[in-house]
Amino acid sequence: MAQSLAQTTVRGKVTDGETGEPLPYVTVVFTNTNIGTTSGFDGDFELIGVAAADSISVEYIGYKTSTVAIVKGRVNDLQIALYPDSDMLDEIVVKPGVNPAIAIIQAAHEKRREYNINKVEYYEYESYNKIQLAVDNITESFKKRKLFKEIESLFDTIGALSPDSTVPVLPVFVSETLSDFY
């Protein structure tokens, strides 16, 4: 005879056991299943599922995992306190050393005479240049000038130099050049 599984609801709040502060993004799962959720920014969570589990596992990085018993087929309201796991955070010793980039810079410095661009018979390089001219601080009176009647449709494309900027900018000229020099 097959066993019928009733829906189980577990809800509650996860806090730090020492400070009482809510813990956000804590993993809460029915033990030995893949049914789970995470707590919100305020530590609140709600886990609903049809599971044969009689407990939940509550895990958070830097804290001891907690297993809490629940009643299957019912609504379980819980207040869960997690305690820091001091064994998990071992001491780390940082010793000063030589930056590996210094060795590369020193080697380039030693070879600078050998690779002097004026002493080699030939060389090549790729060059990229971009020139952009734009008009900023565009006012309504500026847009209405007779000179700009022909490009009135361009004023719809006015943007900003960066997403954080509120200063409107109208691109006037853009030139990009990619060259190979031999």
N, C-alpha and C. Protein backbone atom coordinates (compact mmCIF):
# COMPACT_ATOMS: atom_id res chain seq x y z
N MET A 1 0.84 -1.17 0.00
CA MET A 1 0.00 0.00 0.00
C MET A 1 0.89 1.24 0.00
N ALA A 2 0.62 2.19 -0.92
CA ALA A 2 1.42 3.41 -1.06
C ALA A 2 1.07 4.39 0.04
N GLN A 3 2.09 5.03 0.54
CA GLN A 3 1.89 6.01 1.61
C GLN A 3 1.60 7.37 0.98
N SER A 4 0.55 8.05 1.41
CA SER A 4 0.19 9.36 0.91
C SER A 4 0.99 10.42 1.69
N LEU A 5 1.59 11.34 0.95
CA LEU A 5 2.36 12.40 1.57
C LEU A 5 1.56 13.69 1.55
N ALA A 6 1.38 14.28 2.70
CA ALA A 6 0.64 15.53 2.80
C ALA A 6 1.61 16.70 2.64
N GLN A 7 1.07 17.85 2.24
CA GLN A 7 1.88 19.06 2.07
C GLN A 7 2.33 19.58 3.43
N THR A 8 3.63 19.88 3.50
CA THR A 8 4.21 20.41 4.73
C THR A 8 4.68 21.84 4.48
N THR A 9 4.37 22.72 5.38
CA THR A 9 4.80 24.12 5.29
C THR A 9 5.68 24.43 6.49
N VAL A 10 6.84 25.01 6.20
CA VAL A 10 7.74 25.45 7.26
C VAL A 10 8.05 26.91 6.99
N ARG A 11 7.79 27.75 7.97
CA ARG A 11 8.12 29.16 7.82
C ARG A 11 8.70 29.66 9.13
N GLY A 12 9.45 30.74 9.01
CA GLY A 12 10.06 31.28 10.21
C GLY A 12 11.11 32.31 9.91
N LYS A 13 12.00 32.50 10.87
CA LYS A 13 13.04 33.51 10.77
C LYS A 13 14.35 32.89 11.26
N VAL A 14 15.44 33.22 10.55
CA VAL A 14 16.77 32.75 10.93
C VAL A 14 17.56 33.95 11.43
N THR A 15 18.15 33.81 12.62
CA THR A 15 18.92 34.90 13.20
C THR A 15 20.29 34.39 13.66
N ASP A 16 21.18 35.33 13.91
CA ASP A 16 22.47 35.02 14.49
C ASP A 16 22.23 34.74 15.97
N GLY A 17 22.71 33.58 16.46
CA GLY A 17 22.47 33.17 17.84
C GLY A 17 23.14 34.06 18.87
N GLU A 18 24.18 34.77 18.48
CA GLU A 18 24.90 35.62 19.43
C GLU A 18 24.38 37.06 19.43
N THR A 19 24.06 37.59 18.26
CA THR A 19 23.66 39.00 18.18
C THR A 19 22.16 39.19 18.01
N GLY A 20 21.45 38.16 17.55
CA GLY A 20 20.02 38.28 17.31
C GLY A 20 19.69 38.95 15.98
N GLU A 21 20.73 39.34 15.21
CA GLU A 21 20.52 39.97 13.90
C GLU A 21 19.97 38.95 12.91
N PRO A 22 19.04 39.36 12.03
CA PRO A 22 18.53 38.43 11.00
C PRO A 22 19.64 38.07 10.02
N LEU A 23 19.62 36.84 9.52
CA LEU A 23 20.61 36.37 8.55
C LEU A 23 19.95 36.24 7.18
N PRO A 24 20.41 37.00 6.20
CA PRO A 24 19.83 36.91 4.85
C PRO A 24 20.45 35.77 4.06
N TYR A 25 19.69 35.24 3.12
CA TYR A 25 20.15 34.25 2.13
C TYR A 25 20.65 32.95 2.76
N VAL A 26 20.04 32.54 3.85
CA VAL A 26 20.36 31.26 4.49
C VAL A 26 19.65 30.16 3.70
N THR A 27 20.33 29.03 3.49
CA THR A 27 19.75 27.90 2.77
C THR A 27 18.93 27.05 3.75
N VAL A 28 17.65 26.81 3.40
CA VAL A 28 16.77 25.99 4.22
C VAL A 28 16.21 24.90 3.31
N VAL A 29 16.46 23.61 3.66
CA VAL A 29 15.99 22.49 2.83
C VAL A 29 15.37 21.42 3.70
N PHE A 30 14.40 20.68 3.11
CA PHE A 30 13.94 19.47 3.77
C PHE A 30 15.12 18.51 3.78
N THR A 31 15.45 17.95 4.93
CA THR A 31 16.62 17.09 5.08
C THR A 31 16.58 15.93 4.10
N ASN A 32 17.71 15.69 3.45
CA ASN A 32 17.90 14.59 2.49
C ASN A 32 17.00 14.71 1.26
N THR A 33 16.65 15.94 0.87
CA THR A 33 15.89 16.17 -0.36
C THR A 33 16.55 17.32 -1.11
N ASN A 34 16.01 17.60 -2.28
CA ASN A 34 16.48 18.77 -3.02
C ASN A 34 15.42 19.86 -3.01
N ILE A 35 14.49 19.80 -2.09
CA ILE A 35 13.44 20.82 -1.95
C ILE A 35 13.90 21.83 -0.91
N GLY A 36 14.09 23.07 -1.35
CA GLY A 36 14.60 24.07 -0.43
C GLY A 36 14.29 25.48 -0.86
N THR A 37 14.78 26.42 -0.07
CA THR A 37 14.59 27.84 -0.33
C THR A 37 15.71 28.60 0.37
N THR A 38 15.71 29.91 0.24
CA THR A 38 16.65 30.75 0.98
C THR A 38 15.87 31.82 1.73
N SER A 39 16.43 32.26 2.82
CA SER A 39 15.77 33.31 3.60
C SER A 39 15.93 34.64 2.89
N GLY A 40 15.00 35.52 3.14
CA GLY A 40 15.05 36.86 2.56
C GLY A 40 16.03 37.74 3.32
N PHE A 41 16.08 39.00 2.92
CA PHE A 41 17.02 39.94 3.54
C PHE A 41 16.79 40.09 5.03
N ASP A 42 15.55 39.93 5.46
CA ASP A 42 15.21 40.07 6.87
C ASP A 42 15.25 38.75 7.63
N GLY A 43 15.76 37.67 6.99
CA GLY A 43 15.89 36.37 7.65
C GLY A 43 14.65 35.51 7.56
N ASP A 44 13.54 36.05 7.03
CA ASP A 44 12.30 35.28 6.93
C ASP A 44 12.36 34.29 5.77
N PHE A 45 11.73 33.13 5.94
CA PHE A 45 11.67 32.13 4.89
C PHE A 45 10.34 31.38 4.96
N GLU A 46 9.98 30.76 3.85
CA GLU A 46 8.83 29.87 3.80
C GLU A 46 9.16 28.75 2.85
N LEU A 47 9.00 27.52 3.33
CA LEU A 47 9.31 26.32 2.56
C LEU A 47 8.07 25.46 2.52
N ILE A 48 7.58 25.21 1.31
CA ILE A 48 6.37 24.42 1.14
C ILE A 48 6.70 23.25 0.22
N GLY A 49 6.27 22.06 0.60
CA GLY A 49 6.53 20.92 -0.26
C GLY A 49 5.89 19.65 0.27
N VAL A 50 5.84 18.68 -0.61
CA VAL A 50 5.37 17.35 -0.24
C VAL A 50 6.63 16.51 -0.07
N ALA A 51 7.05 16.33 1.16
CA ALA A 51 8.29 15.63 1.42
C ALA A 51 8.11 14.67 2.58
N ALA A 52 8.86 13.58 2.51
CA ALA A 52 8.82 12.58 3.58
C ALA A 52 9.75 12.95 4.72
N ALA A 53 10.41 14.09 4.61
CA ALA A 53 11.38 14.51 5.62
C ALA A 53 10.68 14.91 6.91
N ASP A 54 11.33 14.58 8.02
CA ASP A 54 10.78 14.96 9.32
C ASP A 54 11.62 16.06 9.98
N SER A 55 12.52 16.68 9.16
CA SER A 55 13.34 17.77 9.67
C SER A 55 13.79 18.64 8.51
N ILE A 56 14.30 19.81 8.87
CA ILE A 56 14.90 20.70 7.86
C ILE A 56 16.36 20.93 8.26
N SER A 57 17.18 21.20 7.25
CA SER A 57 18.58 21.57 7.48
C SER A 57 18.73 23.04 7.14
N VAL A 58 19.39 23.78 8.02
CA VAL A 58 19.58 25.21 7.84
C VAL A 58 21.08 25.45 7.78
N GLU A 59 21.55 26.00 6.64
CA GLU A 59 22.99 26.15 6.42
C GLU A 59 23.31 27.58 6.00
N TYR A 60 24.46 28.07 6.51
CA TYR A 60 24.92 29.41 6.17
C TYR A 60 26.43 29.42 6.32
N ILE A 61 27.12 30.00 5.36
CA ILE A 61 28.58 30.00 5.38
C ILE A 61 29.08 30.72 6.63
N GLY A 62 30.01 30.07 7.34
CA GLY A 62 30.57 30.64 8.55
C GLY A 62 29.80 30.29 9.81
N TYR A 63 28.70 29.54 9.65
CA TYR A 63 27.87 29.16 10.79
C TYR A 63 27.72 27.64 10.83
N LYS A 64 27.46 27.11 12.03
CA LYS A 64 27.23 25.67 12.18
C LYS A 64 25.88 25.33 11.57
N THR A 65 25.83 24.21 10.83
CA THR A 65 24.58 23.75 10.25
C THR A 65 23.65 23.28 11.36
N SER A 66 22.38 23.63 11.23
CA SER A 66 21.40 23.25 12.23
C SER A 66 20.33 22.36 11.59
N THR A 67 19.95 21.30 12.30
CA THR A 67 18.87 20.43 11.85
C THR A 67 17.73 20.58 12.85
N VAL A 68 16.55 20.92 12.33
CA VAL A 68 15.40 21.21 13.18
C VAL A 68 14.27 20.25 12.83
N ALA A 69 13.69 19.61 13.86
CA ALA A 69 12.57 18.68 13.65
C ALA A 69 11.31 19.44 13.27
N ILE A 70 10.52 18.84 12.37
CA ILE A 70 9.24 19.43 11.96
C ILE A 70 8.16 18.36 12.01
N VAL A 71 6.91 18.79 11.97
CA VAL A 71 5.78 17.87 11.93
C VAL A 71 5.31 17.79 10.49
N LYS A 72 5.34 16.58 9.91
CA LYS A 72 4.94 16.39 8.51
C LYS A 72 3.45 16.68 8.35
N GLY A 73 3.10 17.28 7.22
CA GLY A 73 1.70 17.52 6.89
C GLY A 73 1.08 18.68 7.64
N ARG A 74 1.87 19.48 8.30
CA ARG A 74 1.35 20.60 9.08
C ARG A 74 2.08 21.88 8.72
N VAL A 75 1.61 23.00 9.29
CA VAL A 75 2.30 24.29 9.19
C VAL A 75 3.20 24.41 10.41
N ASN A 76 4.49 24.60 10.16
CA ASN A 76 5.48 24.70 11.24
C ASN A 76 6.02 26.13 11.27
N ASP A 77 5.83 26.83 12.38
CA ASP A 77 6.37 28.18 12.56
C ASP A 77 7.58 28.07 13.48
N LEU A 78 8.75 28.50 12.96
CA LEU A 78 10.00 28.31 13.69
C LEU A 78 10.80 29.60 13.83
N GLN A 79 11.54 29.70 14.91
CA GLN A 79 12.55 30.74 15.11
C GLN A 79 13.87 29.97 15.24
N ILE A 80 14.78 30.18 14.29
CA ILE A 80 16.01 29.41 14.25
C ILE A 80 17.20 30.34 14.49
N ALA A 81 18.05 29.96 15.43
CA ALA A 81 19.26 30.73 15.73
C ALA A 81 20.46 29.90 15.29
N LEU A 82 21.32 30.49 14.45
CA LEU A 82 22.55 29.85 14.02
C LEU A 82 23.72 30.47 14.76
N TYR A 83 24.71 29.62 15.07
CA TYR A 83 25.87 30.09 15.82
C TYR A 83 27.12 30.00 14.95
N PRO A 84 28.01 30.99 15.06
CA PRO A 84 29.23 30.99 14.25
C PRO A 84 30.03 29.71 14.47
N ASP A 85 30.66 29.23 13.40
CA ASP A 85 31.50 28.04 13.44
C ASP A 85 32.95 28.48 13.46
N SER A 86 33.53 28.55 14.64
CA SER A 86 34.90 29.04 14.76
C SER A 86 35.90 28.07 14.14
N ASP A 87 35.57 26.78 14.05
CA ASP A 87 36.47 25.80 13.43
C ASP A 87 36.58 26.02 11.93
N MET A 88 35.55 26.58 11.33
CA MET A 88 35.52 26.77 9.88
C MET A 88 36.46 27.88 9.44
N LEU A 89 36.65 28.85 10.29
CA LEU A 89 37.46 30.01 9.94
C LEU A 89 38.84 29.90 10.57
N ASP A 90 39.71 29.13 9.95
CA ASP A 90 41.07 28.96 10.45
C ASP A 90 41.88 30.22 10.19
N GLU A 91 42.97 30.32 10.91
CA GLU A 91 43.87 31.46 10.76
C GLU A 91 44.59 31.37 9.42
N ILE A 92 44.73 32.51 8.79
CA ILE A 92 45.45 32.60 7.53
C ILE A 92 46.63 33.53 7.76
N VAL A 93 47.82 33.06 7.35
CA VAL A 93 49.02 33.88 7.52
C VAL A 93 49.43 34.40 6.15
N VAL A 94 49.57 35.71 6.04
CA VAL A 94 49.98 36.34 4.80
C VAL A 94 51.39 36.89 5.03
N LYS A 95 52.30 36.42 4.19
CA LYS A 95 53.69 36.86 4.31
C LYS A 95 54.03 37.76 3.13
N PRO A 96 54.79 38.84 3.40
CA PRO A 96 55.16 39.71 2.30
C PRO A 96 56.15 39.00 1.39
N GLY A 97 56.08 39.30 0.13
CA GLY A 97 56.99 38.71 -0.84
C GLY A 97 57.21 39.68 -1.97
N VAL A 98 57.88 39.20 -2.99
CA VAL A 98 58.17 40.04 -4.15
C VAL A 98 57.03 39.89 -5.15
N ASN A 99 56.55 41.01 -5.62
CA ASN A 99 55.51 41.01 -6.64
C ASN A 99 56.09 40.38 -7.91
N PRO A 100 55.43 39.36 -8.50
CA PRO A 100 55.97 38.71 -9.70
C PRO A 100 56.09 39.66 -10.89
N ALA A 101 55.34 40.71 -10.92
CA ALA A 101 55.43 41.66 -12.03
C ALA A 101 56.77 42.40 -12.02
N ILE A 102 57.37 42.52 -10.84
CA ILE A 102 58.66 43.23 -10.75
C ILE A 102 59.72 42.51 -11.56
N ALA A 103 59.73 41.17 -11.53
CA ALA A 103 60.72 40.40 -12.30
C ALA A 103 60.55 40.65 -13.80
N ILE A 104 59.32 40.75 -14.27
CA ILE A 104 59.05 41.00 -15.69
C ILE A 104 59.52 42.40 -16.07
N ILE A 105 59.22 43.36 -15.22
CA ILE A 105 59.63 44.75 -15.49
C ILE A 105 61.14 44.86 -15.50
N GLN A 106 61.82 44.19 -14.56
CA GLN A 106 63.28 44.24 -14.51
C GLN A 106 63.89 43.62 -15.77
N ALA A 107 63.33 42.49 -16.24
CA ALA A 107 63.85 41.85 -17.45
C ALA A 107 63.66 42.76 -18.65
N ALA A 108 62.52 43.43 -18.75
CA ALA A 108 62.29 44.36 -19.86
C ALA A 108 63.24 45.55 -19.77
N HIS A 109 63.50 46.00 -18.58
CA HIS A 109 64.42 47.13 -18.38
C HIS A 109 65.84 46.75 -18.81
N GLU A 110 66.27 45.52 -18.51
CA GLU A 110 67.61 45.06 -18.89
C GLU A 110 67.76 44.92 -20.41
N LYS A 111 66.66 44.60 -21.11
CA LYS A 111 66.72 44.38 -22.56
C LYS A 111 66.34 45.62 -23.36
N ARG A 112 66.12 46.75 -22.69
CA ARG A 112 65.62 47.94 -23.38
C ARG A 112 66.56 48.42 -24.48
N ARG A 113 67.86 48.31 -24.32
CA ARG A 113 68.81 48.74 -25.35
C ARG A 113 68.75 47.80 -26.56
N GLU A 114 68.61 46.51 -26.28
CA GLU A 114 68.56 45.51 -27.36
C GLU A 114 67.30 45.68 -28.22
N TYR A 115 66.21 46.05 -27.59
CA TYR A 115 64.94 46.18 -28.32
C TYR A 115 64.56 47.64 -28.57
N ASN A 116 65.52 48.53 -28.61
CA ASN A 116 65.29 49.94 -28.91
C ASN A 116 64.73 50.05 -30.32
N ILE A 117 63.63 50.72 -30.48
CA ILE A 117 62.95 50.83 -31.77
C ILE A 117 63.83 51.50 -32.83
N ASN A 118 64.76 52.36 -32.43
CA ASN A 118 65.63 53.05 -33.38
C ASN A 118 66.79 52.18 -33.86
N LYS A 119 67.06 51.06 -33.18
CA LYS A 119 68.18 50.21 -33.54
C LYS A 119 67.78 48.97 -34.33
N VAL A 120 66.52 48.62 -34.37
CA VAL A 120 66.10 47.43 -35.10
C VAL A 120 65.93 47.78 -36.57
N GLU A 121 66.15 46.78 -37.45
CA GLU A 121 66.05 47.00 -38.89
C GLU A 121 64.61 47.21 -39.33
N TYR A 122 63.71 46.47 -38.74
CA TYR A 122 62.30 46.61 -39.11
C TYR A 122 61.44 46.19 -37.91
N TYR A 123 60.23 46.67 -37.93
CA TYR A 123 59.27 46.31 -36.89
C TYR A 123 57.88 46.59 -37.43
N GLU A 124 56.88 46.10 -36.73
CA GLU A 124 55.49 46.38 -37.10
C GLU A 124 54.66 46.48 -35.83
N TYR A 125 53.57 47.22 -35.96
CA TYR A 125 52.63 47.31 -34.84
C TYR A 125 51.26 47.71 -35.37
N GLU A 126 50.26 47.42 -34.56
CA GLU A 126 48.89 47.77 -34.90
C GLU A 126 48.48 48.95 -34.03
N SER A 127 47.86 49.94 -34.65
CA SER A 127 47.48 51.15 -33.94
C SER A 127 45.97 51.36 -34.08
N TYR A 128 45.32 51.69 -32.96
CA TYR A 128 43.89 51.99 -32.96
C TYR A 128 43.71 53.40 -32.40
N ASN A 129 42.99 54.24 -33.14
CA ASN A 129 42.70 55.61 -32.70
C ASN A 129 41.21 55.87 -32.83
N LYS A 130 40.69 56.59 -31.87
CA LYS A 130 39.28 56.98 -31.92
C LYS A 130 39.20 58.44 -31.53
N ILE A 131 38.50 59.21 -32.36
CA ILE A 131 38.26 60.62 -32.08
C ILE A 131 36.76 60.82 -32.05
N GLN A 132 36.30 61.48 -31.00
CA GLN A 132 34.87 61.74 -30.88
C GLN A 132 34.68 63.17 -30.41
N LEU A 133 33.88 63.90 -31.16
CA LEU A 133 33.53 65.26 -30.78
C LEU A 133 32.04 65.29 -30.48
N ALA A 134 31.69 66.01 -29.43
CA ALA A 134 30.28 66.09 -29.04
C ALA A 134 30.00 67.47 -28.48
N VAL A 135 28.72 67.83 -28.51
CA VAL A 135 28.26 69.10 -27.96
C VAL A 135 27.47 68.76 -26.70
N ASP A 136 27.82 69.43 -25.60
CA ASP A 136 27.06 69.19 -24.37
C ASP A 136 26.36 70.47 -23.91
N ASN A 137 25.64 70.39 -22.85
CA ASN A 137 24.85 71.51 -22.31
C ASN A 137 23.92 72.10 -23.37
N ILE A 138 23.19 71.23 -24.04
CA ILE A 138 22.26 71.66 -25.09
C ILE A 138 20.97 72.16 -24.44
N THR A 139 20.64 73.40 -24.72
CA THR A 139 19.42 74.00 -24.17
C THR A 139 18.34 74.02 -25.25
N GLU A 140 17.14 74.31 -24.83
CA GLU A 140 16.02 74.40 -25.78
C GLU A 140 16.24 75.54 -26.77
N SER A 141 16.76 76.65 -26.31
CA SER A 141 17.02 77.77 -27.22
C SER A 141 18.11 77.40 -28.24
N PHE A 142 19.06 76.59 -27.85
CA PHE A 142 20.11 76.13 -28.75
C PHE A 142 19.51 75.26 -29.86
N LYS A 143 18.57 74.40 -29.49
CA LYS A 143 17.93 73.50 -30.47
C LYS A 143 17.12 74.28 -31.51
N LYS A 144 16.60 75.46 -31.14
CA LYS A 144 15.73 76.23 -32.03
C LYS A 144 16.47 77.16 -32.98
N ARG A 145 17.77 77.19 -32.90
CA ARG A 145 18.54 78.05 -33.80
C ARG A 145 18.38 77.61 -35.24
N LYS A 146 18.40 78.57 -36.15
CA LYS A 146 18.21 78.32 -37.58
C LYS A 146 19.26 77.36 -38.13
N LEU A 147 20.47 77.47 -37.65
CA LEU A 147 21.57 76.64 -38.10
C LEU A 147 21.29 75.14 -37.88
N PHE A 148 20.54 74.80 -36.84
CA PHE A 148 20.33 73.41 -36.46
C PHE A 148 18.99 72.85 -36.93
N LYS A 149 18.22 73.58 -37.73
CA LYS A 149 16.94 73.10 -38.25
C LYS A 149 17.13 71.83 -39.09
N GLU A 150 18.21 71.75 -39.84
CA GLU A 150 18.46 70.60 -40.72
C GLU A 150 18.74 69.31 -39.94
N ILE A 151 19.28 69.44 -38.77
CA ILE A 151 19.60 68.24 -37.98
C ILE A 151 18.68 68.09 -36.78
N GLU A 152 17.49 68.64 -36.88
CA GLU A 152 16.54 68.59 -35.78
C GLU A 152 16.22 67.16 -35.36
N SER A 153 16.18 66.23 -36.33
CA SER A 153 15.86 64.84 -36.00
C SER A 153 16.95 64.19 -35.14
N LEU A 154 18.18 64.68 -35.20
CA LEU A 154 19.27 64.13 -34.40
C LEU A 154 19.10 64.41 -32.92
N PHE A 155 18.35 65.44 -32.59
CA PHE A 155 18.18 65.78 -31.18
C PHE A 155 17.43 64.68 -30.43
N ASP A 156 16.76 63.79 -31.15
CA ASP A 156 16.11 62.65 -30.50
C ASP A 156 17.13 61.63 -30.01
N THR A 157 18.35 61.66 -30.57
CA THR A 157 19.39 60.69 -30.20
C THR A 157 20.32 61.20 -29.12
N ILE A 158 20.00 62.34 -28.55
CA ILE A 158 20.85 62.90 -27.51
C ILE A 158 20.90 61.93 -26.34
N GLY A 159 22.11 61.64 -25.91
CA GLY A 159 22.31 60.75 -24.78
C GLY A 159 23.16 61.42 -23.73
N ALA A 160 23.82 60.60 -22.96
CA ALA A 160 24.73 61.09 -21.93
C ALA A 160 26.06 60.37 -22.10
N LEU A 161 27.12 60.97 -21.59
CA LEU A 161 28.44 60.35 -21.70
C LEU A 161 28.53 59.06 -20.89
N SER A 162 27.84 59.01 -19.77
CA SER A 162 27.84 57.80 -18.95
C SER A 162 26.46 57.62 -18.36
N PRO A 163 26.14 56.39 -17.92
CA PRO A 163 24.82 56.15 -17.33
C PRO A 163 24.55 57.01 -16.10
N ASP A 164 25.61 57.44 -15.40
CA ASP A 164 25.43 58.25 -14.19
C ASP A 164 25.25 59.73 -14.49
N SER A 165 25.55 60.13 -15.73
CA SER A 165 25.53 61.54 -16.08
C SER A 165 24.13 61.98 -16.48
N THR A 166 23.79 63.21 -16.14
CA THR A 166 22.50 63.77 -16.55
C THR A 166 22.69 64.86 -17.59
N VAL A 167 23.94 65.13 -17.96
CA VAL A 167 24.23 66.18 -18.94
C VAL A 167 23.98 65.61 -20.33
N PRO A 168 23.06 66.22 -21.11
CA PRO A 168 22.80 65.72 -22.46
C PRO A 168 23.97 66.01 -23.40
N VAL A 169 24.27 65.06 -24.28
CA VAL A 169 25.40 65.18 -25.20
C VAL A 169 24.94 64.77 -26.60
N LEU A 170 25.25 65.61 -27.60
CA LEU A 170 24.92 65.32 -28.99
C LEU A 170 26.22 64.99 -29.73
N PRO A 171 26.39 63.72 -30.18
CA PRO A 171 27.58 63.38 -30.94
C PRO A 171 27.59 64.13 -32.26
N VAL A 172 28.72 64.74 -32.60
CA VAL A 172 28.84 65.52 -33.83
C VAL A 172 29.75 64.81 -34.82
N PHE A 173 30.84 64.23 -34.34
CA PHE A 173 31.81 63.60 -35.22
C PHE A 173 32.45 62.43 -34.50
N VAL A 174 32.54 61.28 -35.17
CA VAL A 174 33.23 60.12 -34.64
C VAL A 174 34.09 59.54 -35.73
N SER A 175 35.34 59.28 -35.42
CA SER A 175 36.26 58.68 -36.39
C SER A 175 37.05 57.59 -35.69
N GLU A 176 37.07 56.38 -36.26
CA GLU A 176 37.86 55.29 -35.73
C GLU A 176 38.81 54.82 -36.80
N THR A 177 40.05 54.57 -36.43
CA THR A 177 41.06 54.13 -37.40
C THR A 177 41.83 52.96 -36.81
N LEU A 178 41.95 51.89 -37.58
CA LEU A 178 42.77 50.76 -37.22
C LEU A 178 43.85 50.65 -38.30
N SER A 179 45.11 50.75 -37.91
CA SER A 179 46.20 50.78 -38.89
C SER A 179 47.26 49.75 -38.52
N ASP A 180 47.87 49.17 -39.55
CA ASP A 180 49.05 48.32 -39.36
C ASP A 180 50.25 49.10 -39.89
N PHE A 181 51.22 49.31 -39.02
CA PHE A 181 52.43 50.02 -39.41
C PHE A 181 53.57 49.03 -39.57
N TYR A 182 54.30 49.14 -40.70
CA TYR A 182 55.43 48.25 -40.97
C TYR A 182 56.68 49.08 -41.15
